[in-house]
């Protein structure tokens, strides 16, 4: 197996460890919302630049506002 493919297992294990450590501190709901927002943010960046050979879908005003509102919801939820 190429070395580059092995990093997926290490990153997956790291992800699980981080979730186990963070969940008791900020709560399960905030943890899951943070994971979803992170995935949407990275997906928007990949779409905007057309990375990995994909079609470009520019990050427009509505998408930006939606991401900011989701980030704000995490902040408000914690307060």
N, C-alpha and C. Protein backbone atom coordinates (compact mmCIF):
# COMPACT_ATOMS: atom_id res chain seq x y z
N UNK A 1 0.85 -1.17 0.00
CA UNK A 1 0.00 0.00 0.00
C UNK A 1 0.89 1.24 0.00
N UNK A 2 0.60 2.20 -0.86
CA UNK A 2 1.39 3.44 -0.85
C UNK A 2 1.28 4.18 0.48
N UNK A 3 2.38 4.80 0.87
CA UNK A 3 2.43 5.49 2.17
C UNK A 3 1.36 6.58 2.28
N UNK A 4 1.04 7.24 1.18
CA UNK A 4 0.04 8.31 1.21
C UNK A 4 -1.35 7.81 1.60
N UNK A 5 -1.65 6.56 1.29
CA UNK A 5 -2.96 6.02 1.63
C UNK A 5 -3.06 5.61 3.10
N UNK A 6 -1.93 5.37 3.73
CA UNK A 6 -1.94 4.97 5.13
C UNK A 6 -2.28 6.13 6.06
N UNK A 7 -2.08 7.34 5.60
CA UNK A 7 -2.36 8.50 6.45
C UNK A 7 -3.85 8.62 6.78
N UNK A 8 -4.71 8.07 5.93
CA UNK A 8 -6.15 8.12 6.20
C UNK A 8 -6.51 7.41 7.50
N UNK A 9 -5.89 6.28 7.75
CA UNK A 9 -6.14 5.56 9.00
C UNK A 9 -5.65 6.34 10.21
N UNK A 10 -4.48 6.95 10.08
CA UNK A 10 -3.94 7.75 11.18
C UNK A 10 -4.81 8.97 11.46
N UNK A 11 -5.25 9.63 10.40
CA UNK A 11 -6.11 10.80 10.59
C UNK A 11 -7.47 10.41 11.17
N UNK A 12 -7.99 9.26 10.77
CA UNK A 12 -9.25 8.78 11.33
C UNK A 12 -9.13 8.51 12.82
N UNK A 13 -8.04 7.86 13.21
CA UNK A 13 -7.82 7.60 14.63
C UNK A 13 -7.63 8.90 15.41
N UNK A 14 -6.92 9.85 14.83
CA UNK A 14 -6.73 11.15 15.47
C UNK A 14 -8.07 11.86 15.65
N UNK A 15 -8.91 11.78 14.64
CA UNK A 15 -10.24 12.39 14.69
C UNK A 15 -11.07 11.82 15.84
N UNK A 16 -11.05 10.50 15.99
CA UNK A 16 -11.82 9.85 17.06
C UNK A 16 -11.28 10.26 18.43
N UNK A 17 -9.96 10.31 18.57
CA UNK A 17 -9.36 10.71 19.85
C UNK A 17 -9.75 12.14 20.20
N UNK A 18 -9.69 13.04 19.21
CA UNK A 18 -10.05 14.43 19.46
C UNK A 18 -11.52 14.54 19.87
N UNK A 19 -12.40 13.81 19.21
CA UNK A 19 -13.82 13.85 19.57
C UNK A 19 -14.05 13.33 20.99
N UNK A 20 -13.33 12.29 21.38
CA UNK A 20 -13.49 11.74 22.73
C UNK A 20 -13.01 12.75 23.77
N UNK A 21 -11.96 13.49 23.46
CA UNK A 21 -11.44 14.47 24.41
C UNK A 21 -12.32 15.71 24.47
N UNK A 22 -12.81 16.17 23.32
CA UNK A 22 -13.53 17.44 23.24
C UNK A 22 -14.99 17.32 23.68
N UNK A 23 -15.62 16.19 23.41
CA UNK A 23 -17.05 16.05 23.70
C UNK A 23 -17.42 16.33 25.15
N UNK A 24 -16.70 15.83 26.14
CA UNK A 24 -17.08 16.16 27.52
C UNK A 24 -16.89 17.64 27.87
N UNK A 25 -16.00 18.30 27.17
CA UNK A 25 -15.72 19.71 27.47
C UNK A 25 -16.81 20.65 26.92
N UNK A 26 -17.18 20.46 25.65
CA UNK A 26 -18.13 21.40 25.03
C UNK A 26 -19.50 20.79 24.78
N UNK A 27 -19.65 19.49 24.98
CA UNK A 27 -20.94 18.83 24.78
C UNK A 27 -21.03 18.15 23.43
N UNK A 28 -21.88 17.18 23.37
CA UNK A 28 -22.02 16.37 22.15
C UNK A 28 -22.62 17.19 21.01
N UNK A 29 -23.63 18.01 21.30
CA UNK A 29 -24.28 18.79 20.26
C UNK A 29 -23.31 19.78 19.62
N UNK A 30 -22.58 20.51 20.43
CA UNK A 30 -21.63 21.47 19.89
C UNK A 30 -20.51 20.77 19.12
N UNK A 31 -20.11 19.59 19.59
CA UNK A 31 -19.09 18.83 18.89
C UNK A 31 -19.58 18.43 17.50
N UNK A 32 -20.78 17.89 17.43
CA UNK A 32 -21.31 17.45 16.13
C UNK A 32 -21.57 18.63 15.19
N UNK A 33 -22.07 19.73 15.73
CA UNK A 33 -22.27 20.92 14.89
C UNK A 33 -20.93 21.41 14.35
N UNK A 34 -19.89 21.39 15.18
CA UNK A 34 -18.57 21.83 14.74
C UNK A 34 -18.03 20.93 13.63
N UNK A 35 -18.25 19.63 13.74
CA UNK A 35 -17.82 18.70 12.70
C UNK A 35 -18.54 19.01 11.39
N UNK A 36 -19.84 19.22 11.46
CA UNK A 36 -20.62 19.49 10.25
C UNK A 36 -20.20 20.82 9.61
N UNK A 37 -20.01 21.86 10.43
CA UNK A 37 -19.58 23.15 9.90
C UNK A 37 -18.20 23.03 9.26
N UNK A 38 -17.31 22.29 9.90
CA UNK A 38 -15.98 22.09 9.33
C UNK A 38 -16.03 21.39 7.99
N UNK A 39 -16.86 20.37 7.88
CA UNK A 39 -17.00 19.66 6.61
C UNK A 39 -17.58 20.56 5.53
N UNK A 40 -18.58 21.37 5.88
CA UNK A 40 -19.17 22.29 4.90
C UNK A 40 -18.17 23.36 4.47
N UNK A 41 -17.38 23.85 5.41
CA UNK A 41 -16.38 24.87 5.10
C UNK A 41 -15.31 24.33 4.16
N UNK A 42 -14.76 23.17 4.47
CA UNK A 42 -13.74 22.58 3.62
C UNK A 42 -14.34 22.20 2.26
N UNK A 43 -15.56 21.69 2.25
CA UNK A 43 -16.22 21.37 0.98
C UNK A 43 -16.44 22.60 0.12
N UNK A 44 -16.78 23.73 0.74
CA UNK A 44 -16.96 24.97 0.00
C UNK A 44 -15.64 25.46 -0.59
N UNK A 45 -14.56 25.31 0.17
CA UNK A 45 -13.24 25.71 -0.34
C UNK A 45 -12.83 24.82 -1.51
N UNK A 46 -13.06 23.51 -1.39
CA UNK A 46 -12.73 22.59 -2.48
C UNK A 46 -13.55 22.93 -3.72
N UNK A 47 -14.84 23.20 -3.54
CA UNK A 47 -15.70 23.56 -4.67
C UNK A 47 -15.29 24.90 -5.29
N UNK A 48 -14.93 25.86 -4.46
CA UNK A 48 -14.58 27.19 -4.96
C UNK A 48 -13.36 27.14 -5.88
N UNK A 49 -12.35 26.39 -5.48
CA UNK A 49 -11.13 26.32 -6.26
C UNK A 49 -11.10 25.16 -7.25
N UNK A 50 -12.11 24.31 -7.23
CA UNK A 50 -12.16 23.17 -8.14
C UNK A 50 -11.05 22.17 -7.89
N UNK A 51 -10.72 21.96 -6.63
CA UNK A 51 -9.63 21.06 -6.29
C UNK A 51 -9.98 19.61 -6.62
N UNK A 52 -8.97 18.79 -6.75
CA UNK A 52 -9.11 17.35 -7.03
C UNK A 52 -9.81 17.09 -8.35
N UNK A 53 -9.68 18.02 -9.29
CA UNK A 53 -10.24 17.83 -10.63
C UNK A 53 -11.74 18.04 -10.72
N UNK A 54 -12.34 18.61 -9.71
CA UNK A 54 -13.79 18.83 -9.73
C UNK A 54 -14.17 20.12 -10.43
N UNK A 55 -15.45 20.26 -10.67
CA UNK A 55 -15.96 21.48 -11.30
C UNK A 55 -15.96 22.60 -10.27
N UNK A 56 -15.71 23.82 -10.74
CA UNK A 56 -15.68 24.98 -9.84
C UNK A 56 -17.10 25.49 -9.58
N UNK A 57 -17.40 25.66 -8.29
CA UNK A 57 -18.64 26.29 -7.85
C UNK A 57 -18.24 27.43 -6.92
N UNK A 58 -18.27 28.66 -7.42
CA UNK A 58 -17.74 29.77 -6.62
C UNK A 58 -18.49 29.97 -5.30
N UNK A 59 -17.73 30.43 -4.30
CA UNK A 59 -18.30 30.75 -3.00
C UNK A 59 -18.95 32.13 -3.12
N UNK A 60 -20.27 32.15 -3.17
CA UNK A 60 -20.96 33.42 -3.35
C UNK A 60 -21.39 33.98 -1.99
N UNK A 61 -22.10 35.09 -2.04
CA UNK A 61 -22.50 35.80 -0.83
C UNK A 61 -23.40 34.94 0.06
N UNK A 62 -24.38 34.25 -0.54
CA UNK A 62 -25.32 33.45 0.23
C UNK A 62 -24.63 32.30 0.95
N UNK A 63 -23.71 31.63 0.27
CA UNK A 63 -22.98 30.54 0.91
C UNK A 63 -22.11 31.05 2.05
N UNK A 64 -21.47 32.19 1.83
CA UNK A 64 -20.63 32.78 2.86
C UNK A 64 -21.43 33.15 4.10
N UNK A 65 -22.58 33.77 3.89
CA UNK A 65 -23.44 34.14 5.01
C UNK A 65 -23.93 32.90 5.75
N UNK A 66 -24.29 31.85 5.01
CA UNK A 66 -24.76 30.62 5.64
C UNK A 66 -23.67 30.01 6.52
N UNK A 67 -22.44 29.99 6.04
CA UNK A 67 -21.34 29.46 6.84
C UNK A 67 -21.09 30.32 8.08
N UNK A 68 -21.14 31.64 7.91
CA UNK A 68 -20.96 32.53 9.06
C UNK A 68 -22.07 32.35 10.10
N UNK A 69 -23.30 32.17 9.64
CA UNK A 69 -24.41 31.95 10.57
C UNK A 69 -24.25 30.63 11.33
N UNK A 70 -23.74 29.61 10.65
CA UNK A 70 -23.52 28.34 11.34
C UNK A 70 -22.41 28.47 12.39
N UNK A 71 -21.35 29.21 12.07
CA UNK A 71 -20.30 29.47 13.03
C UNK A 71 -20.84 30.28 14.21
N UNK A 72 -21.68 31.25 13.92
CA UNK A 72 -22.29 32.06 14.98
C UNK A 72 -23.21 31.21 15.85
N UNK A 73 -23.88 30.24 15.26
CA UNK A 73 -24.77 29.37 16.05
C UNK A 73 -23.98 28.57 17.08
N UNK A 74 -22.79 28.14 16.72
CA UNK A 74 -21.96 27.41 17.69
C UNK A 74 -21.60 28.33 18.85
N UNK A 75 -21.21 29.55 18.53
CA UNK A 75 -20.84 30.52 19.56
C UNK A 75 -22.03 30.82 20.49
N UNK A 76 -23.19 31.07 19.88
CA UNK A 76 -24.38 31.39 20.67
C UNK A 76 -24.81 30.18 21.51
N UNK A 77 -24.70 29.00 20.95
CA UNK A 77 -25.08 27.78 21.66
C UNK A 77 -24.21 27.59 22.90
N UNK A 78 -22.94 27.92 22.81
CA UNK A 78 -22.03 27.76 23.95
C UNK A 78 -22.25 28.82 25.02
N UNK A 79 -22.77 29.99 24.65
CA UNK A 79 -23.02 31.06 25.62
C UNK A 79 -24.37 30.84 26.24
